[in-house]
Amino acid sequence: MNRKPTMNDVARVAGVGRGTVSNYINGRKIKEENRQKVDKAIKELGYIPNL
């Protein structure tokens, strides 16, 4: 059974902390390098935030 990707999954794939993923999702400022990593991981996993 497949499950939906979580913020923890995005953080693991991107190689950043969960807080960095949260900051990205909430539009807070993060390093450009991390922004690119998180963006790529979100696209790879098909992550959709549960807002």
PDB file of N, CA and C in Angstrom:
ATOM      1  N   MET A   1       0.844  -1.183   0.000  1.00  0.00           N
ATOM      2  CA  MET A   1       0.000   0.000   0.000  1.00  0.00           C
ATOM      3  C   MET A   1       0.886   1.243   0.000  1.00  0.00           C
ATOM      4  N   ASN A   2       0.677   2.109  -0.961  1.00  0.00           N
ATOM      5  CA  ASN A   2       1.451   3.344  -1.038  1.00  0.00           C
ATOM      6  C   ASN A   2       0.838   4.387  -0.125  1.00  0.00           C
ATOM      7  N   ARG A   3       1.697   5.197   0.469  1.00  0.00           N
ATOM      8  CA  ARG A   3       1.211   6.275   1.319  1.00  0.00           C
ATOM      9  C   ARG A   3       1.637   7.606   0.730  1.00  0.00           C
ATOM     10  N   LYS A   4       0.962   8.659   1.144  1.00  0.00           N
ATOM     11  CA  LYS A   4       1.310   9.986   0.661  1.00  0.00           C
ATOM     12  C   LYS A   4       2.624  10.410   1.298  1.00  0.00           C
ATOM     13  N   PRO A   5       3.471  11.109   0.551  1.00  0.00           N
ATOM     14  CA  PRO A   5       4.724  11.586   1.131  1.00  0.00           C
ATOM     15  C   PRO A   5       4.455  12.635   2.210  1.00  0.00           C
ATOM     16  N   THR A   6       5.320  12.651   3.210  1.00  0.00           N
ATOM     17  CA  THR A   6       5.193  13.592   4.321  1.00  0.00           C
ATOM     18  C   THR A   6       6.301  14.637   4.259  1.00  0.00           C
ATOM     19  N   MET A   7       6.185  15.629   5.129  1.00  0.00           N
ATOM     20  CA  MET A   7       7.221  16.648   5.221  1.00  0.00           C
ATOM     21  C   MET A   7       8.554  16.002   5.620  1.00  0.00           C
ATOM     22  N   ASN A   8       8.494  14.972   6.451  1.00  0.00           N
ATOM     23  CA  ASN A   8       9.713  14.261   6.835  1.00  0.00           C
ATOM     24  C   ASN A   8      10.360  13.590   5.627  1.00  0.00           C
ATOM     25  N   ASP A   9       9.555  13.038   4.743  1.00  0.00           N
ATOM     26  CA  ASP A   9      10.077  12.419   3.521  1.00  0.00           C
ATOM     27  C   ASP A   9      10.777  13.459   2.652  1.00  0.00           C
ATOM     28  N   VAL A  10      10.149  14.628   2.516  1.00  0.00           N
ATOM     29  CA  VAL A  10      10.748  15.706   1.719  1.00  0.00           C
ATOM     30  C   VAL A  10      12.085  16.110   2.325  1.00  0.00           C
ATOM     31  N   ALA A  11      12.124  16.274   3.642  1.00  0.00           N
ATOM     32  CA  ALA A  11      13.361  16.669   4.319  1.00  0.00           C
ATOM     33  C   ALA A  11      14.459  15.629   4.102  1.00  0.00           C
ATOM     34  N   ARG A  12      14.092  14.356   4.213  1.00  0.00           N
ATOM     35  CA  ARG A  12      15.077  13.280   4.040  1.00  0.00           C
ATOM     36  C   ARG A  12      15.644  13.284   2.628  1.00  0.00           C
ATOM     37  N   VAL A  13      14.779  13.367   1.625  1.00  0.00           N
ATOM     38  CA  VAL A  13      15.219  13.350   0.224  1.00  0.00           C
ATOM     39  C   VAL A  13      16.046  14.594  -0.102  1.00  0.00           C
ATOM     40  N   ALA A  14      15.648  15.731   0.448  1.00  0.00           N
ATOM     41  CA  ALA A  14      16.353  16.989   0.164  1.00  0.00           C
ATOM     42  C   ALA A  14      17.645  17.116   0.959  1.00  0.00           C
ATOM     43  N   GLY A  15      17.772  16.343   2.025  1.00  0.00           N
ATOM     44  CA  GLY A  15      18.969  16.436   2.857  1.00  0.00           C
ATOM     45  C   GLY A  15      18.977  17.677   3.738  1.00  0.00           C
ATOM     46  N   VAL A  16      17.778  18.100   4.148  1.00  0.00           N
ATOM     47  CA  VAL A  16      17.645  19.269   5.021  1.00  0.00           C
ATOM     48  C   VAL A  16      16.763  18.886   6.204  1.00  0.00           C
ATOM     49  N   GLY A  17      16.635  19.794   7.149  1.00  0.00           N
ATOM     50  CA  GLY A  17      15.796  19.546   8.307  1.00  0.00           C
ATOM     51  C   GLY A  17      14.325  19.774   8.014  1.00  0.00           C
ATOM     52  N   ARG A  18      13.483  19.202   8.871  1.00  0.00           N
ATOM     53  CA  ARG A  18      12.036  19.363   8.720  1.00  0.00           C
ATOM     54  C   ARG A  18      11.642  20.833   8.845  1.00  0.00           C
ATOM     55  N   GLY A  19      12.337  21.565   9.704  1.00  0.00           N
ATOM     56  CA  GLY A  19      12.061  22.991   9.870  1.00  0.00           C
ATOM     57  C   GLY A  19      12.312  23.777   8.595  1.00  0.00           C
ATOM     58  N   THR A  20      13.334  23.381   7.848  1.00  0.00           N
ATOM     59  CA  THR A  20      13.631  24.050   6.578  1.00  0.00           C
ATOM     60  C   THR A  20      12.501  23.817   5.587  1.00  0.00           C
ATOM     61  N   VAL A  21      11.975  22.601   5.559  1.00  0.00           N
ATOM     62  CA  VAL A  21      10.846  22.301   4.673  1.00  0.00           C
ATOM     63  C   VAL A  21       9.632  23.123   5.098  1.00  0.00           C
ATOM     64  N   SER A  22       9.388  23.209   6.390  1.00  0.00           N
ATOM     65  CA  SER A  22       8.275  24.004   6.899  1.00  0.00           C
ATOM     66  C   SER A  22       8.429  25.467   6.508  1.00  0.00           C
ATOM     67  N   ASN A  23       9.628  25.995   6.667  1.00  0.00           N
ATOM     68  CA  ASN A  23       9.880  27.390   6.287  1.00  0.00           C
ATOM     69  C   ASN A  23       9.638  27.604   4.798  1.00  0.00           C
ATOM     70  N   TYR A  24      10.053  26.666   3.988  1.00  0.00           N
ATOM     71  CA  TYR A  24       9.835  26.745   2.537  1.00  0.00           C
ATOM     72  C   TYR A  24       8.337  26.795   2.228  1.00  0.00           C
ATOM     73  N   ILE A  25       7.603  25.881   2.824  1.00  0.00           N
ATOM     74  CA  ILE A  25       6.166  25.791   2.566  1.00  0.00           C
ATOM     75  C   ILE A  25       5.441  27.061   3.015  1.00  0.00           C
ATOM     76  N   ASN A  26       5.901  27.636   4.124  1.00  0.00           N
ATOM     77  CA  ASN A  26       5.250  28.828   4.675  1.00  0.00           C
ATOM     78  C   ASN A  26       5.798  30.132   4.109  1.00  0.00           C
ATOM     79  N   GLY A  27       6.666  30.029   3.100  1.00  0.00           N
ATOM     80  CA  GLY A  27       7.156  31.218   2.411  1.00  0.00           C
ATOM     81  C   GLY A  27       8.190  32.019   3.172  1.00  0.00           C
ATOM     82  N   ARG A  28       8.808  31.404   4.162  1.00  0.00           N
ATOM     83  CA  ARG A  28       9.847  32.099   4.916  1.00  0.00           C
ATOM     84  C   ARG A  28      11.167  32.007   4.170  1.00  0.00           C
ATOM     85  N   LYS A  29      12.077  32.874   4.546  1.00  0.00           N
ATOM     86  CA  LYS A  29      13.363  32.947   3.862  1.00  0.00           C
ATOM     87  C   LYS A  29      14.259  31.771   4.268  1.00  0.00           C
ATOM     88  N   ILE A  30      14.772  31.066   3.262  1.00  0.00           N
ATOM     89  CA  ILE A  30      15.778  30.026   3.476  1.00  0.00           C
ATOM     90  C   ILE A  30      16.854  30.203   2.412  1.00  0.00           C
ATOM     91  N   LYS A  31      17.985  29.562   2.629  1.00  0.00           N
ATOM     92  CA  LYS A  31      19.078  29.665   1.660  1.00  0.00           C
ATOM     93  C   LYS A  31      18.605  29.183   0.290  1.00  0.00           C
ATOM     94  N   GLU A  32      19.079  29.855  -0.746  1.00  0.00           N
ATOM     95  CA  GLU A  32      18.691  29.498  -2.117  1.00  0.00           C
ATOM     96  C   GLU A  32      19.049  28.044  -2.427  1.00  0.00           C
ATOM     97  N   GLU A  33      20.205  27.606  -1.956  1.00  0.00           N
ATOM     98  CA  GLU A  33      20.636  26.216  -2.174  1.00  0.00           C
ATOM     99  C   GLU A  33      19.609  25.242  -1.582  1.00  0.00           C
ATOM    100  N   ASN A  34      19.154  25.530  -0.369  1.00  0.00           N
ATOM    101  CA  ASN A  34      18.164  24.664   0.276  1.00  0.00           C
ATOM    102  C   ASN A  34      16.812  24.762  -0.409  1.00  0.00           C
ATOM    103  N   ARG A  35      16.462  25.948  -0.868  1.00  0.00           N
ATOM    104  CA  ARG A  35      15.191  26.139  -1.578  1.00  0.00           C
ATOM    105  C   ARG A  35      15.148  25.237  -2.812  1.00  0.00           C
ATOM    106  N   GLN A  36      16.255  25.182  -3.538  1.00  0.00           N
ATOM    107  CA  GLN A  36      16.316  24.345  -4.739  1.00  0.00           C
ATOM    108  C   GLN A  36      16.207  22.865  -4.385  1.00  0.00           C
ATOM    109  N   LYS A  37      16.877  22.453  -3.308  1.00  0.00           N
ATOM    110  CA  LYS A  37      16.823  21.052  -2.882  1.00  0.00           C
ATOM    111  C   LYS A  37      15.405  20.652  -2.482  1.00  0.00           C
ATOM    112  N   VAL A  38      14.754  21.518  -1.699  1.00  0.00           N
ATOM    113  CA  VAL A  38      13.399  21.221  -1.237  1.00  0.00           C
ATOM    114  C   VAL A  38      12.433  21.199  -2.413  1.00  0.00           C
ATOM    115  N   ASP A  39      12.560  22.162  -3.302  1.00  0.00           N
ATOM    116  CA  ASP A  39      11.688  22.224  -4.478  1.00  0.00           C
ATOM    117  C   ASP A  39      11.816  20.949  -5.311  1.00  0.00           C
ATOM    118  N   LYS A  40      13.042  20.502  -5.510  1.00  0.00           N
ATOM    119  CA  LYS A  40      13.284  19.283  -6.287  1.00  0.00           C
ATOM    120  C   LYS A  40      12.669  18.061  -5.590  1.00  0.00           C
ATOM    121  N   ALA A  41      12.859  17.963  -4.276  1.00  0.00           N
ATOM    122  CA  ALA A  41      12.323  16.823  -3.525  1.00  0.00           C
ATOM    123  C   ALA A  41      10.795  16.809  -3.563  1.00  0.00           C
ATOM    124  N   ILE A  42      10.180  17.978  -3.444  1.00  0.00           N
ATOM    125  CA  ILE A  42       8.720  18.072  -3.493  1.00  0.00           C
ATOM    126  C   ILE A  42       8.210  17.570  -4.837  1.00  0.00           C
ATOM    127  N   LYS A  43       8.873  17.971  -5.902  1.00  0.00           N
ATOM    128  CA  LYS A  43       8.457  17.541  -7.240  1.00  0.00           C
ATOM    129  C   LYS A  43       8.678  16.043  -7.436  1.00  0.00           C
ATOM    130  N   GLU A  44       9.815  15.535  -6.972  1.00  0.00           N
ATOM    131  CA  GLU A  44      10.119  14.102  -7.108  1.00  0.00           C
ATOM    132  C   GLU A  44       9.083  13.245  -6.389  1.00  0.00           C
ATOM    133  N   LEU A  45       8.723  13.672  -5.177  1.00  0.00           N
ATOM    134  CA  LEU A  45       7.823  12.877  -4.349  1.00  0.00           C
ATOM    135  C   LEU A  45       6.350  13.135  -4.642  1.00  0.00           C
ATOM    136  N   GLY A  46       6.060  14.238  -5.296  1.00  0.00           N
ATOM    137  CA  GLY A  46       4.664  14.607  -5.515  1.00  0.00           C
ATOM    138  C   GLY A  46       3.994  15.059  -4.232  1.00  0.00           C
ATOM    139  N   TYR A  47       4.776  15.695  -3.363  1.00  0.00           N
ATOM    140  CA  TYR A  47       4.274  16.131  -2.061  1.00  0.00           C
ATOM    141  C   TYR A  47       3.270  17.263  -2.212  1.00  0.00           C
ATOM    142  N   ILE A  48       2.151  17.141  -1.506  1.00  0.00           N
ATOM    143  CA  ILE A  48       1.137  18.197  -1.460  1.00  0.00           C
ATOM    144  C   ILE A  48       0.913  18.531   0.011  1.00  0.00           C
ATOM    145  N   PRO A  49       1.230  19.775   0.417  1.00  0.00           N
ATOM    146  CA  PRO A  49       1.042  20.154   1.826  1.00  0.00           C
ATOM    147  C   PRO A  49      -0.423  20.060   2.239  1.00  0.00           C
ATOM    148  N   ASN A  50      -0.630  19.637   3.459  1.00  0.00           N
ATOM    149  CA  ASN A  50      -1.972  19.553   4.017  1.00  0.00           C
ATOM    150  C   ASN A  50      -2.241  20.849   4.763  1.00  0.00           C
ATOM    151  N   LEU A  51      -2.687  21.851   4.019  1.00  0.00           N
ATOM    152  CA  LEU A  51      -2.939  23.155   4.626  1.00  0.00           C
ATOM    153  C   LEU A  51      -4.340  23.151   5.104  1.00  0.00           C
TER     154      LEU A  51
END
